[in-house]
N, C-alpha and C. Protein backbone atom coordinates (compact mmCIF):
# COMPACT_ATOMS: atom_id res chain seq x y z
N MET A 1 0.84 -1.19 0.00
CA MET A 1 0.00 0.00 0.00
C MET A 1 0.89 1.25 0.00
N SER A 2 0.59 2.20 -0.87
CA SER A 2 1.40 3.41 -0.93
C SER A 2 1.11 4.30 0.28
N ASP A 3 2.08 5.16 0.59
CA ASP A 3 1.91 6.08 1.71
C ASP A 3 0.72 7.00 1.49
N LEU A 4 0.51 7.43 0.22
CA LEU A 4 -0.62 8.32 -0.06
C LEU A 4 -1.94 7.64 0.23
N LEU A 5 -2.06 6.37 -0.17
CA LEU A 5 -3.31 5.65 0.08
C LEU A 5 -3.52 5.47 1.59
N LYS A 6 -2.47 5.18 2.30
CA LYS A 6 -2.57 5.00 3.75
C LYS A 6 -2.95 6.30 4.45
N ASN A 7 -2.56 7.43 3.83
CA ASN A 7 -2.76 8.72 4.48
C ASN A 7 -3.97 9.50 3.96
N LEU A 8 -4.81 8.86 3.15
CA LEU A 8 -6.01 9.53 2.67
C LEU A 8 -6.91 9.90 3.85
N LYS A 9 -7.52 11.07 3.75
CA LYS A 9 -8.38 11.55 4.82
C LYS A 9 -9.85 11.29 4.48
N PHE A 10 -10.37 10.19 4.95
CA PHE A 10 -11.77 9.85 4.77
C PHE A 10 -12.62 10.60 5.79
N ASP A 11 -13.88 10.86 5.46
CA ASP A 11 -14.75 11.55 6.41
C ASP A 11 -15.22 10.59 7.50
N GLU A 12 -16.13 11.06 8.34
CA GLU A 12 -16.58 10.25 9.47
C GLU A 12 -17.32 8.98 9.05
N ARG A 13 -17.77 8.96 7.79
CA ARG A 13 -18.44 7.75 7.26
C ARG A 13 -17.46 6.85 6.51
N GLY A 14 -16.18 7.25 6.48
CA GLY A 14 -15.18 6.45 5.78
C GLY A 14 -15.19 6.68 4.28
N LEU A 15 -15.66 7.88 3.86
CA LEU A 15 -15.78 8.18 2.43
C LEU A 15 -14.89 9.35 2.04
N ILE A 16 -14.59 9.40 0.74
CA ILE A 16 -13.80 10.49 0.17
C ILE A 16 -14.41 10.85 -1.19
N PRO A 17 -14.56 12.15 -1.50
CA PRO A 17 -15.13 12.53 -2.80
C PRO A 17 -14.16 12.20 -3.95
N VAL A 18 -14.75 11.77 -5.06
CA VAL A 18 -13.97 11.42 -6.25
C VAL A 18 -14.53 12.16 -7.46
N VAL A 19 -13.67 12.89 -8.15
CA VAL A 19 -14.03 13.57 -9.39
C VAL A 19 -13.59 12.68 -10.55
N ALA A 20 -14.52 12.33 -11.43
CA ALA A 20 -14.19 11.55 -12.61
C ALA A 20 -13.96 12.50 -13.78
N GLN A 21 -12.71 12.61 -14.21
CA GLN A 21 -12.33 13.53 -15.29
C GLN A 21 -11.93 12.73 -16.52
N ASP A 22 -12.45 13.14 -17.66
CA ASP A 22 -12.19 12.42 -18.90
C ASP A 22 -10.74 12.61 -19.34
N TYR A 23 -10.05 11.50 -19.53
CA TYR A 23 -8.64 11.54 -19.95
C TYR A 23 -8.48 12.15 -21.32
N ARG A 24 -9.47 11.95 -22.18
CA ARG A 24 -9.35 12.40 -23.57
C ARG A 24 -9.79 13.85 -23.76
N THR A 25 -10.92 14.22 -23.19
CA THR A 25 -11.47 15.56 -23.42
C THR A 25 -11.16 16.55 -22.30
N GLY A 26 -10.85 16.05 -21.12
CA GLY A 26 -10.61 16.91 -19.98
C GLY A 26 -11.87 17.30 -19.22
N GLU A 27 -13.04 16.96 -19.75
CA GLU A 27 -14.28 17.36 -19.09
C GLU A 27 -14.50 16.58 -17.79
N ILE A 28 -15.19 17.21 -16.84
CA ILE A 28 -15.59 16.53 -15.62
C ILE A 28 -16.84 15.72 -15.95
N ARG A 29 -16.75 14.42 -15.81
CA ARG A 29 -17.87 13.55 -16.16
C ARG A 29 -18.88 13.41 -15.02
N MET A 30 -18.39 13.28 -13.80
CA MET A 30 -19.28 13.09 -12.65
C MET A 30 -18.47 13.24 -11.37
N VAL A 31 -19.18 13.34 -10.25
CA VAL A 31 -18.57 13.34 -8.93
C VAL A 31 -19.30 12.31 -8.08
N ALA A 32 -18.54 11.49 -7.36
CA ALA A 32 -19.14 10.47 -6.50
C ALA A 32 -18.26 10.31 -5.27
N TYR A 33 -18.54 9.28 -4.50
CA TYR A 33 -17.75 9.00 -3.30
C TYR A 33 -17.17 7.60 -3.37
N ALA A 34 -16.07 7.41 -2.67
CA ALA A 34 -15.46 6.08 -2.58
C ALA A 34 -15.03 5.83 -1.15
N ASN A 35 -15.07 4.56 -0.76
CA ASN A 35 -14.43 4.18 0.51
C ASN A 35 -13.13 3.46 0.17
N GLU A 36 -12.43 2.98 1.17
CA GLU A 36 -11.14 2.35 0.92
C GLU A 36 -11.28 1.12 0.03
N GLU A 37 -12.35 0.34 0.24
CA GLU A 37 -12.57 -0.86 -0.57
C GLU A 37 -12.78 -0.50 -2.04
N ALA A 38 -13.54 0.56 -2.29
CA ALA A 38 -13.80 0.99 -3.68
C ALA A 38 -12.51 1.40 -4.37
N ILE A 39 -11.66 2.09 -3.65
CA ILE A 39 -10.38 2.51 -4.22
C ILE A 39 -9.52 1.29 -4.54
N ARG A 40 -9.50 0.34 -3.61
CA ARG A 40 -8.71 -0.88 -3.84
C ARG A 40 -9.23 -1.65 -5.05
N LYS A 41 -10.57 -1.74 -5.18
CA LYS A 41 -11.16 -2.44 -6.32
C LYS A 41 -10.81 -1.73 -7.62
N THR A 42 -10.81 -0.41 -7.58
CA THR A 42 -10.45 0.37 -8.76
C THR A 42 -9.01 0.08 -9.17
N LEU A 43 -8.11 0.05 -8.20
CA LEU A 43 -6.70 -0.23 -8.48
C LEU A 43 -6.50 -1.66 -8.97
N GLU A 44 -7.25 -2.61 -8.42
CA GLU A 44 -7.10 -4.02 -8.79
C GLU A 44 -7.63 -4.32 -10.18
N THR A 45 -8.77 -3.70 -10.54
CA THR A 45 -9.46 -4.05 -11.78
C THR A 45 -9.18 -3.09 -12.93
N GLY A 46 -8.79 -1.83 -12.60
CA GLY A 46 -8.61 -0.83 -13.64
C GLY A 46 -9.91 -0.15 -14.04
N TYR A 47 -11.00 -0.48 -13.37
CA TYR A 47 -12.30 0.14 -13.64
C TYR A 47 -12.80 0.87 -12.41
N ALA A 48 -13.50 1.99 -12.62
CA ALA A 48 -13.93 2.85 -11.53
C ALA A 48 -14.95 2.16 -10.64
N HIS A 49 -14.67 2.14 -9.35
CA HIS A 49 -15.60 1.67 -8.33
C HIS A 49 -15.86 2.83 -7.36
N TYR A 50 -17.08 2.91 -6.89
CA TYR A 50 -17.48 3.96 -5.96
C TYR A 50 -18.28 3.34 -4.81
N TYR A 51 -18.68 4.21 -3.87
CA TYR A 51 -19.55 3.76 -2.79
C TYR A 51 -20.83 4.58 -2.85
N SER A 52 -21.97 3.89 -2.91
CA SER A 52 -23.26 4.56 -2.97
C SER A 52 -23.73 4.90 -1.56
N ARG A 53 -23.91 6.19 -1.31
CA ARG A 53 -24.37 6.62 0.02
C ARG A 53 -25.83 6.26 0.23
N SER A 54 -26.64 6.29 -0.83
CA SER A 54 -28.06 5.98 -0.68
C SER A 54 -28.31 4.48 -0.51
N ARG A 55 -27.57 3.67 -1.28
CA ARG A 55 -27.74 2.21 -1.18
C ARG A 55 -26.80 1.57 -0.16
N ARG A 56 -25.83 2.34 0.28
CA ARG A 56 -24.86 1.90 1.27
C ARG A 56 -24.13 0.63 0.81
N LYS A 57 -23.63 0.71 -0.41
CA LYS A 57 -22.92 -0.45 -0.95
C LYS A 57 -21.92 -0.01 -2.01
N LEU A 58 -20.95 -0.86 -2.23
CA LEU A 58 -19.95 -0.65 -3.28
C LEU A 58 -20.61 -0.81 -4.64
N TRP A 59 -20.21 0.00 -5.64
CA TRP A 59 -20.73 -0.19 -6.99
C TRP A 59 -19.68 0.10 -8.04
N LYS A 60 -19.73 -0.68 -9.07
CA LYS A 60 -18.84 -0.51 -10.22
C LYS A 60 -19.59 0.29 -11.27
N LYS A 61 -19.03 1.42 -11.65
CA LYS A 61 -19.70 2.27 -12.63
C LYS A 61 -19.90 1.51 -13.95
N GLY A 62 -21.17 1.47 -14.41
CA GLY A 62 -21.48 0.83 -15.68
C GLY A 62 -21.70 -0.66 -15.62
N GLU A 63 -21.73 -1.23 -14.43
CA GLU A 63 -21.87 -2.69 -14.33
C GLU A 63 -23.17 -3.18 -14.95
N THR A 64 -24.24 -2.41 -14.80
CA THR A 64 -25.52 -2.79 -15.40
C THR A 64 -25.80 -2.04 -16.71
N SER A 65 -25.36 -0.78 -16.81
CA SER A 65 -25.65 0.03 -18.00
C SER A 65 -24.64 -0.17 -19.12
N GLY A 66 -23.46 -0.70 -18.78
CA GLY A 66 -22.40 -0.82 -19.77
C GLY A 66 -21.55 0.42 -19.90
N GLU A 67 -21.91 1.46 -19.14
CA GLU A 67 -21.16 2.73 -19.19
C GLU A 67 -19.92 2.65 -18.29
N LEU A 68 -19.02 1.74 -18.61
CA LEU A 68 -17.84 1.51 -17.79
C LEU A 68 -16.86 2.66 -17.89
N GLN A 69 -16.10 2.85 -16.82
CA GLN A 69 -15.05 3.87 -16.80
C GLN A 69 -13.71 3.17 -16.58
N ARG A 70 -12.89 3.17 -17.61
CA ARG A 70 -11.54 2.61 -17.49
C ARG A 70 -10.63 3.68 -16.88
N VAL A 71 -10.01 3.37 -15.76
CA VAL A 71 -9.23 4.35 -15.03
C VAL A 71 -7.77 4.33 -15.49
N LYS A 72 -7.32 5.46 -16.00
CA LYS A 72 -5.94 5.59 -16.47
C LYS A 72 -4.98 5.94 -15.33
N GLU A 73 -5.47 6.73 -14.37
CA GLU A 73 -4.62 7.21 -13.29
C GLU A 73 -5.51 7.73 -12.17
N ILE A 74 -5.02 7.64 -10.94
CA ILE A 74 -5.70 8.25 -9.80
C ILE A 74 -4.79 9.33 -9.23
N ARG A 75 -5.35 10.51 -9.03
CA ARG A 75 -4.59 11.61 -8.44
C ARG A 75 -5.24 12.05 -7.14
N VAL A 76 -4.41 12.52 -6.23
CA VAL A 76 -4.88 12.97 -4.92
C VAL A 76 -4.53 14.44 -4.73
N ASP A 77 -5.43 15.18 -4.08
CA ASP A 77 -5.18 16.61 -3.92
C ASP A 77 -4.20 16.87 -2.77
N CYS A 78 -3.84 18.14 -2.59
CA CYS A 78 -2.79 18.52 -1.63
C CYS A 78 -3.16 18.22 -0.19
N ASP A 79 -4.46 18.15 0.11
CA ASP A 79 -4.89 17.88 1.48
C ASP A 79 -5.21 16.40 1.73
N ASN A 80 -5.03 15.57 0.73
CA ASN A 80 -5.30 14.13 0.83
C ASN A 80 -6.76 13.80 1.11
N ASP A 81 -7.68 14.73 0.74
CA ASP A 81 -9.08 14.46 1.06
C ASP A 81 -10.00 14.47 -0.16
N THR A 82 -9.43 14.49 -1.36
CA THR A 82 -10.21 14.41 -2.60
C THR A 82 -9.38 13.70 -3.66
N LEU A 83 -10.05 12.87 -4.47
CA LEU A 83 -9.37 12.14 -5.53
C LEU A 83 -9.90 12.54 -6.90
N ILE A 84 -9.06 12.36 -7.90
CA ILE A 84 -9.49 12.43 -9.30
C ILE A 84 -9.24 11.07 -9.92
N TYR A 85 -10.27 10.49 -10.52
CA TYR A 85 -10.09 9.35 -11.40
C TYR A 85 -9.98 9.90 -12.82
N LEU A 86 -8.84 9.72 -13.46
CA LEU A 86 -8.71 10.07 -14.88
C LEU A 86 -9.19 8.87 -15.68
N ILE A 87 -10.32 9.04 -16.36
CA ILE A 87 -11.03 7.89 -16.92
C ILE A 87 -11.25 7.98 -18.43
N GLU A 88 -11.45 6.84 -19.03
CA GLU A 88 -11.96 6.76 -20.40
C GLU A 88 -13.37 6.21 -20.30
N GLN A 89 -14.35 7.03 -20.68
CA GLN A 89 -15.76 6.65 -20.60
C GLN A 89 -16.09 5.80 -21.82
N GLU A 90 -16.32 4.49 -21.61
CA GLU A 90 -16.34 3.56 -22.73
C GLU A 90 -17.49 3.78 -23.70
N LYS A 91 -18.66 4.20 -23.22
CA LYS A 91 -19.78 4.42 -24.14
C LYS A 91 -20.16 5.89 -24.23
N ASN A 92 -19.33 6.75 -23.63
CA ASN A 92 -19.46 8.20 -23.78
C ASN A 92 -20.68 8.80 -23.10
N ARG A 93 -21.31 8.08 -22.17
CA ARG A 93 -22.44 8.60 -21.42
C ARG A 93 -22.21 8.30 -19.95
N ALA A 94 -21.87 9.31 -19.17
CA ALA A 94 -21.55 9.08 -17.76
C ALA A 94 -22.73 9.29 -16.82
N CYS A 95 -23.67 10.14 -17.22
CA CYS A 95 -24.78 10.51 -16.34
C CYS A 95 -25.94 9.52 -16.46
N HIS A 96 -26.63 9.27 -15.35
CA HIS A 96 -27.78 8.35 -15.38
C HIS A 96 -28.93 8.90 -16.23
N THR A 97 -28.88 10.21 -16.54
CA THR A 97 -29.91 10.81 -17.40
C THR A 97 -29.68 10.51 -18.88
N GLY A 98 -28.49 9.96 -19.18
CA GLY A 98 -28.13 9.71 -20.58
C GLY A 98 -27.23 10.77 -21.17
N GLU A 99 -26.94 11.82 -20.40
CA GLU A 99 -26.05 12.87 -20.87
C GLU A 99 -24.60 12.41 -20.77
N ARG A 100 -23.71 13.05 -21.53
CA ARG A 100 -22.31 12.65 -21.54
C ARG A 100 -21.63 12.95 -20.20
N ASN A 101 -22.08 13.97 -19.49
CA ASN A 101 -21.60 14.21 -18.14
C ASN A 101 -22.74 14.75 -17.30
N CYS A 102 -22.53 14.81 -15.99
CA CYS A 102 -23.60 15.21 -15.08
C CYS A 102 -23.78 16.73 -14.99
N PHE A 103 -22.86 17.49 -15.58
CA PHE A 103 -22.89 18.95 -15.45
C PHE A 103 -23.36 19.58 -16.75
N PHE A 104 -24.61 19.28 -17.11
CA PHE A 104 -25.13 19.72 -18.41
C PHE A 104 -26.00 20.97 -18.32
N ARG A 105 -26.10 21.59 -17.12
CA ARG A 105 -26.91 22.81 -16.94
C ARG A 105 -26.08 23.88 -16.26
N ASN A 106 -26.41 25.15 -16.54
CA ASN A 106 -25.84 26.24 -15.76
C ASN A 106 -26.85 26.64 -14.68
N LEU A 107 -26.54 27.66 -13.91
CA LEU A 107 -27.42 28.04 -12.80
C LEU A 107 -28.76 28.59 -13.26
N GLU A 108 -28.84 29.00 -14.53
CA GLU A 108 -30.12 29.45 -15.09
C GLU A 108 -30.95 28.29 -15.62
N GLY A 109 -30.40 27.09 -15.54
CA GLY A 109 -31.12 25.92 -16.02
C GLY A 109 -30.96 25.66 -17.51
N GLU A 110 -30.07 26.40 -18.15
CA GLU A 110 -29.87 26.26 -19.59
C GLU A 110 -28.97 25.06 -19.89
N TYR A 111 -29.29 24.36 -20.97
CA TYR A 111 -28.48 23.21 -21.41
C TYR A 111 -27.19 23.73 -22.05
N VAL A 112 -26.03 23.24 -21.59
CA VAL A 112 -24.77 23.86 -22.01
C VAL A 112 -23.81 22.92 -22.74
N LEU A 113 -24.19 21.68 -22.96
CA LEU A 113 -23.22 20.72 -23.51
C LEU A 113 -23.05 20.79 -25.02
N LYS A 114 -23.94 21.50 -25.71
CA LYS A 114 -23.81 21.57 -27.17
C LYS A 114 -22.55 22.31 -27.59
N LYS A 115 -22.16 23.29 -26.79
CA LYS A 115 -20.96 24.08 -27.12
C LYS A 115 -19.83 23.65 -26.19
N PRO A 116 -18.83 22.93 -26.71
CA PRO A 116 -17.74 22.47 -25.85
C PRO A 116 -16.88 23.63 -25.37
N LEU A 117 -16.25 23.43 -24.23
CA LEU A 117 -15.29 24.41 -23.73
C LEU A 117 -14.01 24.33 -24.55
N PRO A 118 -13.22 25.40 -24.59
CA PRO A 118 -12.03 25.42 -25.47
C PRO A 118 -11.12 24.22 -25.31
N PHE A 119 -10.88 23.76 -24.08
CA PHE A 119 -9.92 22.67 -23.88
C PHE A 119 -10.41 21.33 -24.40
N GLU A 120 -11.73 21.21 -24.64
CA GLU A 120 -12.25 19.93 -25.14
C GLU A 120 -12.68 19.98 -26.60
N VAL A 121 -12.41 21.10 -27.27
CA VAL A 121 -12.92 21.29 -28.63
C VAL A 121 -12.42 20.21 -29.60
N LEU A 122 -11.12 19.95 -29.63
CA LEU A 122 -10.58 19.01 -30.63
C LEU A 122 -11.13 17.60 -30.47
N PRO A 123 -11.10 17.00 -29.27
CA PRO A 123 -11.67 15.65 -29.15
C PRO A 123 -13.17 15.62 -29.37
N ARG A 124 -13.88 16.68 -28.94
CA ARG A 124 -15.33 16.70 -29.17
C ARG A 124 -15.63 16.86 -30.66
N LEU A 125 -14.85 17.71 -31.36
CA LEU A 125 -15.03 17.86 -32.80
C LEU A 125 -14.76 16.54 -33.50
N GLN A 126 -13.77 15.80 -33.04
CA GLN A 126 -13.48 14.53 -33.69
C GLN A 126 -14.64 13.54 -33.53
N GLU A 127 -15.34 13.60 -32.41
CA GLU A 127 -16.52 12.76 -32.23
C GLU A 127 -17.56 13.07 -33.31
N VAL A 128 -17.75 14.36 -33.57
CA VAL A 128 -18.70 14.78 -34.61
C VAL A 128 -18.24 14.30 -35.98
N LEU A 129 -16.95 14.45 -36.27
CA LEU A 129 -16.42 14.04 -37.57
C LEU A 129 -16.55 12.54 -37.79
N LYS A 130 -16.31 11.74 -36.75
CA LYS A 130 -16.49 10.29 -36.86
C LYS A 130 -17.92 9.96 -37.25
N ASP A 131 -18.87 10.64 -36.60
CA ASP A 131 -20.28 10.41 -36.90
C ASP A 131 -20.60 10.81 -38.34
N ARG A 132 -20.05 11.94 -38.78
CA ARG A 132 -20.30 12.40 -40.16
C ARG A 132 -19.74 11.39 -41.18
N ILE A 133 -18.54 10.89 -40.92
CA ILE A 133 -17.91 9.94 -41.85
C ILE A 133 -18.70 8.64 -41.91
N GLU A 134 -19.22 8.20 -40.77
CA GLU A 134 -19.96 6.93 -40.73
C GLU A 134 -21.35 7.05 -41.33
N ASN A 135 -22.01 8.20 -41.11
CA ASN A 135 -23.42 8.32 -41.50
C ASN A 135 -23.69 9.22 -42.70
N LEU A 136 -22.70 10.04 -43.07
CA LEU A 136 -22.80 10.92 -44.25
C LEU A 136 -24.14 11.66 -44.34
N PRO A 137 -24.48 12.47 -43.34
CA PRO A 137 -25.76 13.20 -43.38
C PRO A 137 -25.80 14.21 -44.52
N GLU A 138 -26.94 14.33 -45.12
CA GLU A 138 -27.12 15.27 -46.23
C GLU A 138 -26.96 16.71 -45.74
N GLY A 139 -26.37 17.55 -46.57
CA GLY A 139 -26.22 18.96 -46.25
C GLY A 139 -25.01 19.29 -45.42
N SER A 140 -24.22 18.28 -45.06
CA SER A 140 -23.04 18.49 -44.23
C SER A 140 -21.82 18.77 -45.11
N TYR A 141 -21.05 19.80 -44.76
CA TYR A 141 -19.81 20.11 -45.48
C TYR A 141 -18.84 18.93 -45.37
N THR A 142 -18.79 18.31 -44.20
CA THR A 142 -17.92 17.15 -44.01
C THR A 142 -18.32 16.01 -44.94
N THR A 143 -19.60 15.76 -45.06
CA THR A 143 -20.09 14.72 -45.97
C THR A 143 -19.63 15.00 -47.40
N LYS A 144 -19.75 16.25 -47.81
CA LYS A 144 -19.35 16.65 -49.16
C LYS A 144 -17.88 16.34 -49.40
N LEU A 145 -17.04 16.69 -48.44
CA LEU A 145 -15.60 16.44 -48.58
C LEU A 145 -15.28 14.95 -48.58
N VAL A 146 -15.89 14.22 -47.67
CA VAL A 146 -15.62 12.78 -47.56
C VAL A 146 -16.00 12.06 -48.85
N LYS A 147 -17.10 12.45 -49.45
CA LYS A 147 -17.54 11.82 -50.69
C LYS A 147 -16.56 12.09 -51.83
N LYS A 148 -15.82 13.18 -51.74
CA LYS A 148 -14.83 13.50 -52.78
C LYS A 148 -13.53 12.74 -52.58
N GLY A 149 -13.36 12.14 -51.39
CA GLY A 149 -12.20 11.28 -51.17
C GLY A 149 -11.10 11.93 -50.36
N PHE A 150 -10.18 11.09 -49.91
CA PHE A 150 -9.11 11.53 -49.02
C PHE A 150 -8.18 12.55 -49.68
N ASP A 151 -7.90 12.39 -50.97
CA ASP A 151 -7.01 13.33 -51.65
C ASP A 151 -7.55 14.75 -51.58
N ARG A 152 -8.86 14.89 -51.72
CA ARG A 152 -9.48 16.22 -51.67
C ARG A 152 -9.39 16.79 -50.25
N ILE A 153 -9.55 15.94 -49.24
CA ILE A 153 -9.42 16.39 -47.85
C ILE A 153 -8.02 16.92 -47.60
N VAL A 154 -7.01 16.18 -48.06
CA VAL A 154 -5.62 16.60 -47.89
C VAL A 154 -5.35 17.89 -48.65
N GLN A 155 -5.91 17.99 -49.85
CA GLN A 155 -5.73 19.20 -50.64
C GLN A 155 -6.31 20.41 -49.91
N LYS A 156 -7.48 20.25 -49.32
CA LYS A 156 -8.10 21.35 -48.57
C LYS A 156 -7.26 21.73 -47.35
N PHE A 157 -6.69 20.73 -46.70
CA PHE A 157 -5.80 21.02 -45.57
C PHE A 157 -4.60 21.84 -46.03
N GLY A 158 -4.04 21.47 -47.19
CA GLY A 158 -2.91 22.21 -47.74
C GLY A 158 -3.29 23.65 -48.05
N GLU A 159 -4.46 23.84 -48.65
CA GLU A 159 -4.91 25.19 -48.98
C GLU A 159 -5.07 26.05 -47.73
N GLU A 160 -5.67 25.45 -46.70
CA GLU A 160 -5.88 26.20 -45.46
C GLU A 160 -4.55 26.49 -44.76
N SER A 161 -3.60 25.58 -44.88
CA SER A 161 -2.27 25.81 -44.29
C SER A 161 -1.60 27.01 -44.93
N VAL A 162 -1.75 27.13 -46.25
CA VAL A 162 -1.19 28.28 -46.96
C VAL A 162 -1.85 29.58 -46.49
N GLU A 163 -3.17 29.52 -46.27
CA GLU A 163 -3.88 30.71 -45.78
C GLU A 163 -3.35 31.13 -44.41
N VAL A 164 -3.03 30.14 -43.56
CA VAL A 164 -2.45 30.46 -42.26
C VAL A 164 -1.08 31.12 -42.42
N LEU A 165 -0.27 30.57 -43.33
CA LEU A 165 1.06 31.14 -43.58
C LEU A 165 0.96 32.58 -44.04
N ILE A 166 0.02 32.85 -44.94
CA ILE A 166 -0.15 34.22 -45.44
C ILE A 166 -0.55 35.16 -44.31
N ALA A 167 -1.48 34.70 -43.47
CA ALA A 167 -1.93 35.53 -42.34
C ALA A 167 -0.79 35.79 -41.37
N LEU A 168 0.05 34.77 -41.16
CA LEU A 168 1.20 34.94 -40.27
C LEU A 168 2.19 35.95 -40.85
N MET A 169 2.45 35.82 -42.14
CA MET A 169 3.39 36.74 -42.78
C MET A 169 2.88 38.18 -42.73
N ASN A 170 1.55 38.33 -42.79
CA ASN A 170 0.94 39.65 -42.74
C ASN A 170 0.77 40.15 -41.29
N ARG A 171 1.10 39.29 -40.32
CA ARG A 171 0.96 39.62 -38.90
C ARG A 171 -0.47 40.06 -38.57
N ASP A 172 -1.41 39.45 -39.26
CA ASP A 172 -2.84 39.76 -39.07
C ASP A 172 -3.41 38.78 -38.03
N LYS A 173 -3.44 39.20 -36.79
CA LYS A 173 -3.81 38.29 -35.70
C LYS A 173 -5.22 37.72 -35.86
N GLU A 174 -6.16 38.56 -36.27
CA GLU A 174 -7.54 38.10 -36.44
C GLU A 174 -7.63 37.02 -37.51
N GLN A 175 -6.94 37.23 -38.62
CA GLN A 175 -6.95 36.24 -39.70
C GLN A 175 -6.18 34.98 -39.32
N VAL A 176 -5.12 35.14 -38.53
CA VAL A 176 -4.37 33.97 -38.07
C VAL A 176 -5.30 33.05 -37.28
N VAL A 177 -6.08 33.63 -36.38
CA VAL A 177 -7.01 32.84 -35.56
C VAL A 177 -8.06 32.17 -36.45
N TYR A 178 -8.66 32.94 -37.35
CA TYR A 178 -9.73 32.43 -38.22
C TYR A 178 -9.21 31.31 -39.13
N GLU A 179 -8.10 31.56 -39.80
CA GLU A 179 -7.56 30.57 -40.74
C GLU A 179 -7.01 29.34 -40.01
N SER A 180 -6.48 29.55 -38.81
CA SER A 180 -5.98 28.41 -38.03
C SER A 180 -7.12 27.47 -37.67
N ALA A 181 -8.28 28.03 -37.34
CA ALA A 181 -9.45 27.20 -37.03
C ALA A 181 -9.84 26.36 -38.25
N ASP A 182 -9.83 26.99 -39.44
CA ASP A 182 -10.14 26.25 -40.68
C ASP A 182 -9.12 25.14 -40.91
N MET A 183 -7.84 25.47 -40.71
CA MET A 183 -6.78 24.49 -40.93
C MET A 183 -6.92 23.31 -39.97
N LEU A 184 -7.19 23.59 -38.69
CA LEU A 184 -7.33 22.53 -37.70
C LEU A 184 -8.50 21.62 -38.00
N TYR A 185 -9.59 22.18 -38.49
CA TYR A 185 -10.74 21.36 -38.88
C TYR A 185 -10.33 20.35 -39.96
N HIS A 186 -9.67 20.83 -41.02
CA HIS A 186 -9.31 19.93 -42.12
C HIS A 186 -8.23 18.94 -41.72
N TRP A 187 -7.32 19.37 -40.85
CA TRP A 187 -6.28 18.46 -40.31
C TRP A 187 -6.95 17.34 -39.51
N LEU A 188 -7.91 17.72 -38.68
CA LEU A 188 -8.58 16.73 -37.84
C LEU A 188 -9.45 15.79 -38.68
N LEU A 189 -10.04 16.31 -39.73
CA LEU A 189 -10.82 15.45 -40.62
C LEU A 189 -9.91 14.42 -41.29
N ALA A 190 -8.73 14.83 -41.72
CA ALA A 190 -7.77 13.90 -42.32
C ALA A 190 -7.36 12.82 -41.33
N LEU A 191 -7.07 13.21 -40.09
CA LEU A 191 -6.72 12.24 -39.05
C LEU A 191 -7.85 11.24 -38.83
N THR A 192 -9.06 11.78 -38.72
CA THR A 192 -10.22 10.93 -38.44
C THR A 192 -10.47 9.96 -39.57
N TYR A 193 -10.31 10.41 -40.80
CA TYR A 193 -10.47 9.56 -41.98
C TYR A 193 -9.51 8.38 -41.92
N LEU A 194 -8.30 8.63 -41.41
CA LEU A 194 -7.28 7.57 -41.34
C LEU A 194 -7.39 6.74 -40.05
N GLY A 195 -8.36 7.09 -39.20
CA GLY A 195 -8.53 6.33 -37.96
C GLY A 195 -7.55 6.69 -36.87
N ILE A 196 -6.98 7.89 -36.94
CA ILE A 196 -6.03 8.35 -35.93
C ILE A 196 -6.77 9.22 -34.91
N ASP A 197 -6.71 8.84 -33.65
CA ASP A 197 -7.35 9.63 -32.60
C ASP A 197 -6.47 10.83 -32.27
N VAL A 198 -7.07 12.01 -32.16
CA VAL A 198 -6.30 13.21 -31.82
C VAL A 198 -5.57 13.02 -30.49
N LYS A 199 -6.09 12.15 -29.65
CA LYS A 199 -5.43 11.84 -28.38
C LYS A 199 -4.01 11.33 -28.61
N GLU A 200 -3.79 10.59 -29.70
CA GLU A 200 -2.47 10.05 -30.00
C GLU A 200 -1.47 11.17 -30.27
N VAL A 201 -1.92 12.20 -30.97
CA VAL A 201 -1.05 13.35 -31.25
C VAL A 201 -0.75 14.11 -29.97
N LEU A 202 -1.78 14.32 -29.15
CA LEU A 202 -1.59 15.06 -27.90
C LEU A 202 -0.72 14.27 -26.92
N GLU A 203 -0.85 12.95 -26.93
CA GLU A 203 0.01 12.12 -26.09
C GLU A 203 1.48 12.22 -26.53
N GLU A 204 1.68 12.29 -27.84
CA GLU A 204 3.04 12.43 -28.36
C GLU A 204 3.63 13.78 -27.90
N LEU A 205 2.86 14.83 -27.96
CA LEU A 205 3.33 16.13 -27.46
C LEU A 205 3.62 16.05 -25.97
N SER A 206 2.75 15.35 -25.25
CA SER A 206 2.93 15.20 -23.81
C SER A 206 4.24 14.49 -23.48
N ARG A 207 4.56 13.47 -24.28
CA ARG A 207 5.79 12.72 -24.06
C ARG A 207 7.04 13.59 -24.24
N ARG A 208 6.90 14.66 -25.01
CA ARG A 208 8.05 15.51 -25.30
C ARG A 208 8.32 16.54 -24.19
N PHE A 209 7.44 16.62 -23.20
CA PHE A 209 7.71 17.50 -22.08
C PHE A 209 8.87 16.94 -21.26
N LYS A 210 9.80 17.79 -20.90
CA LYS A 210 10.96 17.35 -20.12
C LYS A 210 10.77 17.68 -18.65
């Protein structure tokens, strides 16, 4: 047993709050509680286990729904009284309501998940692109490009890259931002067409940190 696990600060009921954060998108999927047994089960199996305060029992996330959470890493905060499970949500729906995460409303009650936050834009966009490639909905720009083939997608990426270069040479910050967004879309479409997850690129960048 690690010193950190031995020194976790459980509350009077023997519980500790756990934040489930998506390894791929960075979004907070849900918050629950765990006792020592749940943490041990998580470490042993690689899948998220929690403790239900209402049912007063251990539970494995997704055991009945199939919405399993594969745990990549567990992190502990500076006070040893809160954990983060860095997870991969296997069916992309963490909330019992069917939403992708439990935090789908703001304080005004407005639905907020349609517009991703900046840090999750690329992986969320790739989810949309995968769906477009598989289902080819009518009226979609992505559908139009995919039907023209991979060479056309690459050509469009090249064109947009040149537009970014021109904007950079002109030191036009507004155009750099606009053209970079276009370039990233076509780059991500090319990756998705080839079956490359953007996570693989970001992991490669992560490995280069010294």
